[in-house]
Amino acid sequence: MFGRRKKSDAADGDGAAGEAGQVAEGVSTGDETEQDEPQRTNLPPAPRPDGPWDISEVREPGEGRVDLGGIFVPGVEGMELRVEVAGDAIVAATVVLRDSAVQLQAFAAPKREGIWGEVREEIASGITQQGGVIDEVEGPLGWELRAQVPVQLPDGKGGVQVVRFVGVDGPRWFLRGVISGQGAVQPEAAGLLEQILRDTVIVRGDGPMAPRDPIVLKLPDDAQMVAEGGVKEENQEESRFSGGMGQLARGPEITEVR
């Protein structure tokens, strides 16, 4: 089901971003696909005139962005930035802005073809198997999935959560965004989250990586992880996270396929 959780290790990680090398969980494998079922063709990455950007396309990636190693996340007044861990690796970042959030996660991809079409099918399959409802629509960021997912509420009753899955294929990388909260249901609340995704810079690196391996992130130099809540800033007055940037915090505040 969809739920909030902290990624721990491979034994715990059966969620969408939990195990290394996987973009979505709870989905059928190729062996389970019937022979006559149509398959989506993976097309070359489309142009990205408005981003997100490859590191080779940006002269000053750290200008106005938080350096997380594998990605540079735009800084926005009033936002809170949280990181998500799988074992000892940081694999995702979540920007929380008022009552909305967007989770950002980058993966390695083949050199000559994108994987977002294929990933959309897998996510949709996993959600419908859980009893959820999926709409595939062309949104402001291209083709996306808008999901209505059955969840258990804190009082034990059943409910439905609306989540948007967006994705962009780049040169040898794929960036996935998961928008939740008001940004998933109100276009006026989603605009700034969409712009954050567009202005994100991805650092794939030159080393060999298998397609769908997550691009590992790191904490900024002036922040350190603390056990209970998140990242403790070493110097609040001089830190780039002071003021409107909020704090880095450990643990996701985003829903995802488990």
Protein backbone atom coordinates (compact mmCIF):
# COMPACT_ATOMS: atom_id res chain seq x y z
CA MET A 1 0.00 0.00 0.00
CA PHE A 2 0.99 3.63 -0.02
CA GLY A 3 2.36 4.94 3.23
CA ARG A 4 4.94 7.05 4.95
CA ARG A 5 8.05 5.23 5.97
CA LYS A 6 11.77 5.45 6.48
CA LYS A 7 13.93 3.37 4.25
CA SER A 8 16.21 1.12 6.25
CA ASP A 9 17.85 -1.73 4.39
CA ALA A 10 17.13 -4.14 1.58
CA ALA A 11 15.19 -6.41 3.91
CA ASP A 12 12.75 -3.59 4.67
CA GLY A 13 12.77 -1.97 1.27
CA ASP A 14 10.02 -3.33 -0.89
CA GLY A 15 8.74 0.13 -1.89
CA ALA A 16 9.02 2.09 -5.08
CA ALA A 17 12.43 3.50 -4.25
CA GLY A 18 13.41 0.93 -1.64
CA GLU A 19 15.60 -1.62 -3.35
CA ALA A 20 18.53 -0.57 -5.48
CA GLY A 21 17.90 -0.95 -9.18
CA GLN A 22 14.11 -0.72 -8.94
CA VAL A 23 11.86 2.22 -9.74
CA ALA A 24 8.53 0.68 -8.76
CA GLU A 25 7.57 -2.33 -6.68
CA GLY A 26 4.56 -4.58 -6.48
CA VAL A 27 4.49 -4.92 -10.24
CA SER A 28 4.55 -7.78 -12.68
CA THR A 29 7.83 -8.94 -14.15
CA GLY A 30 8.46 -9.77 -17.78
CA ASP A 31 8.00 -13.47 -17.05
CA GLU A 32 4.45 -12.78 -15.88
CA THR A 33 3.45 -10.82 -18.98
CA GLU A 34 1.28 -12.63 -21.45
CA GLN A 35 2.75 -13.06 -24.90
CA ASP A 36 -0.04 -11.21 -26.67
CA GLU A 37 -0.02 -8.21 -24.29
CA PRO A 38 1.13 -5.05 -26.14
CA GLN A 39 4.42 -3.60 -24.95
CA ARG A 40 5.27 0.09 -24.83
CA THR A 41 8.22 1.11 -27.00
CA ASN A 42 10.93 3.05 -25.20
CA LEU A 43 11.62 6.17 -27.23
CA PRO A 44 14.77 8.30 -27.11
CA PRO A 45 14.64 11.03 -24.46
CA ALA A 46 12.64 14.03 -25.63
CA PRO A 47 14.11 17.56 -25.65
CA ARG A 48 13.97 19.35 -22.28
CA PRO A 49 13.86 23.08 -23.16
CA ASP A 50 12.56 23.93 -19.67
CA GLY A 51 14.51 21.32 -17.65
CA PRO A 52 15.20 19.37 -15.58
CA TRP A 53 18.84 19.77 -16.47
CA ASP A 54 21.88 17.60 -16.90
CA ILE A 55 24.97 18.87 -15.10
CA SER A 56 26.58 19.50 -18.51
CA GLU A 57 23.81 21.98 -19.36
CA VAL A 58 24.19 24.30 -16.36
CA ARG A 59 27.11 26.65 -15.81
CA GLU A 60 26.55 27.21 -12.05
CA PRO A 61 24.46 24.31 -10.70
CA GLY A 62 25.00 25.37 -7.08
CA GLU A 63 23.59 28.85 -7.64
CA GLY A 64 20.29 28.89 -5.74
CA ARG A 65 20.27 25.10 -5.34
CA VAL A 66 21.14 22.66 -2.56
CA ASP A 67 23.98 20.32 -3.51
CA LEU A 68 22.98 16.73 -2.73
CA GLY A 69 25.66 15.19 -4.91
CA GLY A 70 23.56 13.26 -7.41
CA ILE A 71 21.07 16.10 -7.75
CA PHE A 72 20.99 19.83 -7.10
CA VAL A 73 17.60 20.79 -5.62
CA PRO A 74 16.33 24.36 -6.09
CA GLY A 75 15.93 26.33 -2.89
CA VAL A 76 12.52 27.93 -2.34
CA GLU A 77 11.48 30.27 0.46
CA GLY A 78 9.61 28.42 3.19
CA MET A 79 10.46 24.90 2.05
CA GLU A 80 11.64 21.96 4.14
CA LEU A 81 14.04 19.50 2.52
CA ARG A 82 14.09 15.89 3.69
CA VAL A 83 16.21 12.99 2.59
CA GLU A 84 15.33 9.31 2.30
CA VAL A 85 17.75 6.51 3.04
CA ALA A 86 18.03 2.90 1.91
CA GLY A 87 20.55 1.16 4.12
CA ASP A 88 23.49 3.54 4.32
CA ALA A 89 22.71 5.31 1.05
CA ILE A 90 20.63 8.45 0.53
CA VAL A 91 18.48 7.78 -2.52
CA ALA A 92 15.75 10.43 -2.58
CA ALA A 93 14.98 13.99 -1.52
CA THR A 94 11.58 15.36 -0.61
CA VAL A 95 10.68 19.03 -0.76
CA VAL A 96 7.83 19.89 1.62
CA LEU A 97 6.14 23.19 0.93
CA ARG A 98 3.20 24.08 3.13
CA ASP A 99 0.62 21.30 2.64
CA SER A 100 2.22 19.77 -0.47
CA ALA A 101 5.34 17.75 -1.20
CA VAL A 102 7.36 16.43 -4.11
CA GLN A 103 9.77 13.52 -3.83
CA LEU A 104 12.69 13.60 -6.25
CA GLN A 105 14.65 10.50 -7.18
CA ALA A 106 17.11 10.03 -10.03
CA PHE A 107 18.04 6.73 -11.68
CA ALA A 108 20.52 5.58 -14.28
CA ALA A 109 19.00 4.92 -17.71
CA PRO A 110 20.10 3.50 -21.06
CA LYS A 111 22.08 5.81 -23.32
CA ARG A 112 19.74 5.84 -26.31
CA GLU A 113 16.26 5.28 -24.90
CA GLY A 114 14.07 6.63 -22.15
CA ILE A 115 12.32 4.46 -19.58
CA TRP A 116 9.45 6.65 -18.35
CA GLY A 117 6.86 4.99 -20.60
CA GLU A 118 7.84 1.56 -19.30
CA VAL A 119 7.96 2.76 -15.69
CA ARG A 120 4.49 4.30 -15.98
CA GLU A 121 3.09 0.93 -17.01
CA GLU A 122 4.73 -0.75 -14.03
CA ILE A 123 3.50 1.82 -11.53
CA ALA A 124 -0.02 1.69 -12.98
CA SER A 125 -0.05 -2.10 -12.83
CA GLY A 126 1.05 -2.14 -9.20
CA ILE A 127 -1.56 0.42 -8.11
CA THR A 128 -4.47 -1.21 -9.94
CA GLN A 129 -3.52 -4.54 -8.39
CA GLN A 130 -3.95 -2.86 -5.02
CA GLY A 131 -7.45 -1.72 -5.96
CA GLY A 132 -6.48 1.81 -6.89
CA VAL A 133 -7.50 3.90 -9.89
CA ILE A 134 -5.07 5.29 -12.44
CA ASP A 135 -5.45 8.03 -15.06
CA GLU A 136 -2.66 8.58 -17.58
CA VAL A 137 -2.81 12.20 -18.69
CA GLU A 138 -0.58 14.75 -20.38
CA GLY A 139 0.16 17.33 -17.72
CA PRO A 140 2.43 20.36 -17.40
CA LEU A 141 5.49 18.10 -17.14
CA GLY A 142 4.50 15.70 -19.90
CA TRP A 143 2.80 12.34 -19.52
CA GLU A 144 2.03 11.51 -15.92
CA LEU A 145 -0.04 9.18 -13.75
CA ARG A 146 -2.70 10.49 -11.42
CA ALA A 147 -3.48 7.81 -8.91
CA GLN A 148 -6.28 7.31 -6.41
CA VAL A 149 -4.90 4.80 -3.96
CA PRO A 150 -6.78 3.08 -1.13
CA VAL A 151 -5.07 3.68 2.22
CA GLN A 152 -5.78 2.95 5.85
CA LEU A 153 -6.36 6.12 7.85
CA PRO A 154 -4.94 6.62 11.36
CA ASP A 155 -8.32 5.77 12.88
CA GLY A 156 -8.32 2.43 11.06
CA LYS A 157 -10.91 3.39 8.47
CA GLY A 158 -10.33 3.13 4.76
CA GLY A 159 -9.63 6.16 2.63
CA VAL A 160 -8.24 7.27 -0.71
CA GLN A 161 -5.06 9.23 -1.32
CA VAL A 162 -4.41 11.13 -4.54
CA VAL A 163 -0.82 11.10 -5.82
CA ARG A 164 0.79 12.30 -9.06
CA PHE A 165 3.70 10.41 -10.62
CA VAL A 166 5.73 12.47 -13.08
CA GLY A 167 8.91 11.53 -14.88
CA VAL A 168 11.52 12.96 -17.25
CA ASP A 169 14.05 11.04 -19.34
CA GLY A 170 17.44 12.68 -19.69
CA PRO A 171 20.86 11.71 -21.08
CA ARG A 172 21.60 8.40 -19.32
CA TRP A 173 19.33 9.29 -16.41
CA PHE A 174 15.68 9.33 -15.43
CA LEU A 175 14.16 11.69 -12.86
CA ARG A 176 10.95 10.70 -11.11
CA GLY A 177 8.80 13.06 -9.08
CA VAL A 178 5.97 12.02 -6.78
CA ILE A 179 3.65 14.88 -5.85
CA SER A 180 1.36 14.49 -2.85
CA GLY A 181 -0.85 16.66 -0.67
CA GLN A 182 -2.68 19.64 -2.12
CA GLY A 183 -0.28 19.72 -5.05
CA ALA A 184 -1.75 16.43 -6.25
CA VAL A 185 -5.30 17.76 -6.42
CA GLN A 186 -5.07 21.54 -6.89
CA PRO A 187 -3.18 22.92 -9.91
CA GLU A 188 -2.58 26.25 -8.18
CA ALA A 189 -0.81 24.43 -5.32
CA ALA A 190 1.33 22.36 -7.70
CA GLY A 191 2.94 25.12 -9.75
CA LEU A 192 5.92 25.76 -7.47
CA LEU A 193 6.55 22.03 -6.95
CA GLU A 194 6.54 21.52 -10.72
CA GLN A 195 9.01 24.37 -11.12
CA ILE A 196 11.29 22.79 -8.51
CA LEU A 197 11.34 19.59 -10.54
CA ARG A 198 12.02 21.50 -13.76
CA ASP A 199 14.93 23.39 -12.23
CA THR A 200 16.56 20.32 -10.65
CA VAL A 201 20.03 19.42 -11.96
CA ILE A 202 21.02 15.74 -12.24
CA VAL A 203 24.62 14.51 -11.86
CA ARG A 204 24.72 11.04 -13.43
CA GLY A 205 28.50 10.70 -13.40
CA ASP A 206 30.63 8.86 -15.95
CA GLY A 207 30.94 5.52 -14.17
CA PRO A 208 29.09 2.40 -15.29
CA MET A 209 25.62 1.94 -13.79
CA ALA A 210 22.92 -0.56 -14.57
CA PRO A 211 19.65 0.95 -15.85
CA ARG A 212 17.34 1.83 -12.93
CA ASP A 213 20.12 1.90 -10.37
CA PRO A 214 19.39 4.88 -8.11
CA ILE A 215 21.80 7.77 -8.34
CA VAL A 216 23.06 8.03 -4.76
CA LEU A 217 22.83 11.38 -2.99
CA LYS A 218 24.82 12.91 -0.13
CA LEU A 219 24.24 15.40 2.62
CA PRO A 220 25.46 18.97 2.11
CA ASP A 221 28.77 19.83 3.73
CA ASP A 222 27.18 22.05 6.39
CA ALA A 223 24.61 19.53 7.59
CA GLN A 224 24.79 16.27 9.48
CA MET A 225 22.29 13.49 10.13
CA VAL A 226 20.79 13.11 13.59
CA ALA A 227 19.10 10.00 14.87
CA GLU A 228 15.59 11.17 15.63
CA GLY A 229 14.44 14.05 13.58
CA GLY A 230 16.70 14.93 10.78
CA VAL A 231 19.72 16.92 9.91
CA LYS A 232 21.26 19.15 12.53
CA GLU A 233 22.79 22.32 11.20
CA GLU A 234 26.26 23.08 12.47
CA ASN A 235 25.92 26.86 12.25
CA GLN A 236 22.36 28.15 12.04
CA GLU A 237 23.34 31.77 11.37
CA GLU A 238 25.78 31.04 8.57
CA SER A 239 24.16 27.93 7.10
CA ARG A 240 22.58 28.09 3.68
CA PHE A 241 19.59 26.32 5.27
CA SER A 242 18.83 29.13 7.70
CA GLY A 243 15.94 31.45 7.12
CA GLY A 244 13.38 30.30 4.61
CA MET A 245 15.11 27.11 3.54
CA GLY A 246 14.04 25.12 6.59
CA GLN A 247 15.90 22.03 7.74
CA LEU A 248 16.91 18.78 6.18
CA ALA A 249 15.14 15.91 7.90
CA ARG A 250 15.62 12.19 7.68
CA GLY A 251 12.70 10.11 6.52
CA PRO A 252 10.19 10.55 3.70
CA GLU A 253 7.00 12.53 3.90
CA ILE A 254 5.75 11.16 0.63
CA THR A 255 3.61 8.24 -0.41
CA GLU A 256 4.90 5.52 -2.67
CA VAL A 257 4.15 2.04 -3.98
CA ARG A 258 5.03 -0.73 -1.53
